[in-house]
Amino acid sequence: MDQSTLNRPLTTEKARKILAEDGLEVSEIQVSLILDFLRILANIVVKDYLTNHEESRPIRTRQHG
């Protein structure tokens, strides 16, 4: 996956095409609900990671020399 793909939001049409490639036909409403769920899940995972790992991550200062 190239960098430009990673920076663009996943549209419902693109998601439907991806699912169809795997043999799963879904309606516009269904794919919209799937994407909403995945975004909620991603937000929960990121928030949990930042909450539980931010304190243990060392801050590195750049050595000038």
C-alpha atoms as a PDB file:
ATOM      1  CA  MET A   1       0.000   0.000   0.000  1.00  0.00           C
ATOM      2  CA  ASP A   2       1.551   3.297  -1.006  1.00  0.00           C
ATOM      3  CA  GLN A   3       1.744   6.378   1.232  1.00  0.00           C
ATOM      4  CA  SER A   4      -0.966   8.287  -0.664  1.00  0.00           C
ATOM      5  CA  THR A   5      -3.441   5.487   0.054  1.00  0.00           C
ATOM      6  CA  LEU A   6      -2.657   5.607   3.757  1.00  0.00           C
ATOM      7  CA  ASN A   7      -3.430   9.318   4.025  1.00  0.00           C
ATOM      8  CA  ARG A   8      -6.852   9.185   2.377  1.00  0.00           C
ATOM      9  CA  PRO A   9     -10.017   8.201   4.232  1.00  0.00           C
ATOM     10  CA  LEU A  10     -11.607   4.954   3.162  1.00  0.00           C
ATOM     11  CA  THR A  11     -14.769   5.764   1.215  1.00  0.00           C
ATOM     12  CA  THR A  12     -17.843   3.560   1.284  1.00  0.00           C
ATOM     13  CA  GLU A  13     -17.394   2.794  -2.415  1.00  0.00           C
ATOM     14  CA  LYS A  14     -13.790   1.669  -1.938  1.00  0.00           C
ATOM     15  CA  ALA A  15     -14.788  -0.415   1.088  1.00  0.00           C
ATOM     16  CA  ARG A  16     -17.563  -2.083  -0.920  1.00  0.00           C
ATOM     17  CA  LYS A  17     -15.074  -2.936  -3.670  1.00  0.00           C
ATOM     18  CA  ILE A  18     -12.627  -4.424  -1.161  1.00  0.00           C
ATOM     19  CA  LEU A  19     -15.361  -6.517   0.431  1.00  0.00           C
ATOM     20  CA  ALA A  20     -16.679  -7.599  -2.982  1.00  0.00           C
ATOM     21  CA  GLU A  21     -13.190  -8.815  -3.945  1.00  0.00           C
ATOM     22  CA  ASP A  22     -13.450 -11.195  -0.997  1.00  0.00           C
ATOM     23  CA  GLY A  23     -16.919 -12.309  -2.079  1.00  0.00           C
ATOM     24  CA  LEU A  24     -18.907 -10.284   0.424  1.00  0.00           C
ATOM     25  CA  GLU A  25     -21.671  -8.154  -1.092  1.00  0.00           C
ATOM     26  CA  VAL A  26     -22.976  -5.466   1.259  1.00  0.00           C
ATOM     27  CA  SER A  27     -25.401  -2.595   0.882  1.00  0.00           C
ATOM     28  CA  GLU A  28     -24.445   1.073   1.153  1.00  0.00           C
ATOM     29  CA  ILE A  29     -25.987   1.208   4.631  1.00  0.00           C
ATOM     30  CA  GLN A  30     -24.163  -1.915   5.768  1.00  0.00           C
ATOM     31  CA  VAL A  31     -20.779  -0.707   4.561  1.00  0.00           C
ATOM     32  CA  SER A  32     -21.379   2.657   6.216  1.00  0.00           C
ATOM     33  CA  LEU A  33     -22.114   0.913   9.531  1.00  0.00           C
ATOM     34  CA  ILE A  34     -19.030  -1.285   9.151  1.00  0.00           C
ATOM     35  CA  LEU A  35     -16.818   1.761   8.558  1.00  0.00           C
ATOM     36  CA  ASP A  36     -18.360   3.610  11.515  1.00  0.00           C
ATOM     37  CA  PHE A  37     -17.667   0.603  13.737  1.00  0.00           C
ATOM     38  CA  LEU A  38     -14.070   0.303  12.529  1.00  0.00           C
ATOM     39  CA  ARG A  39     -13.434   4.009  13.161  1.00  0.00           C
ATOM     40  CA  ILE A  40     -14.842   3.736  16.700  1.00  0.00           C
ATOM     41  CA  LEU A  41     -12.735   0.645  17.348  1.00  0.00           C
ATOM     42  CA  ALA A  42      -9.596   2.316  15.983  1.00  0.00           C
ATOM     43  CA  ASN A  43     -10.161   5.357  18.207  1.00  0.00           C
ATOM     44  CA  ILE A  44     -10.560   3.138  21.277  1.00  0.00           C
ATOM     45  CA  VAL A  45      -7.388   1.183  20.479  1.00  0.00           C
ATOM     46  CA  VAL A  46      -5.305   4.312  19.876  1.00  0.00           C
ATOM     47  CA  LYS A  47      -6.610   6.019  23.018  1.00  0.00           C
ATOM     48  CA  ASP A  48      -5.897   2.901  25.089  1.00  0.00           C
ATOM     49  CA  TYR A  49      -2.399   2.566  23.658  1.00  0.00           C
ATOM     50  CA  LEU A  50      -1.547   6.205  24.311  1.00  0.00           C
ATOM     51  CA  THR A  51      -2.960   6.053  27.820  1.00  0.00           C
ATOM     52  CA  ASN A  52      -1.089   2.884  28.769  1.00  0.00           C
ATOM     53  CA  HIS A  53       2.206   3.439  26.975  1.00  0.00           C
ATOM     54  CA  GLU A  54       2.875   7.164  27.007  1.00  0.00           C
ATOM     55  CA  GLU A  55       4.298   7.200  30.539  1.00  0.00           C
ATOM     56  CA  SER A  56       6.725   4.340  29.902  1.00  0.00           C
ATOM     57  CA  ARG A  57       8.138   5.803  26.699  1.00  0.00           C
ATOM     58  CA  PRO A  58      11.444   7.567  27.322  1.00  0.00           C
ATOM     59  CA  ILE A  59      11.874  11.081  26.028  1.00  0.00           C
ATOM     60  CA  ARG A  60      15.006  11.268  23.951  1.00  0.00           C
ATOM     61  CA  THR A  61      16.784  14.523  23.560  1.00  0.00           C
ATOM     62  CA  ARG A  62      18.923  15.157  20.567  1.00  0.00           C
ATOM     63  CA  GLN A  63      22.640  15.229  21.255  1.00  0.00           C
ATOM     64  CA  HIS A  64      24.310  18.230  19.706  1.00  0.00           C
ATOM     65  CA  GLY A  65      27.856  17.731  19.029  1.00  0.00           C
END
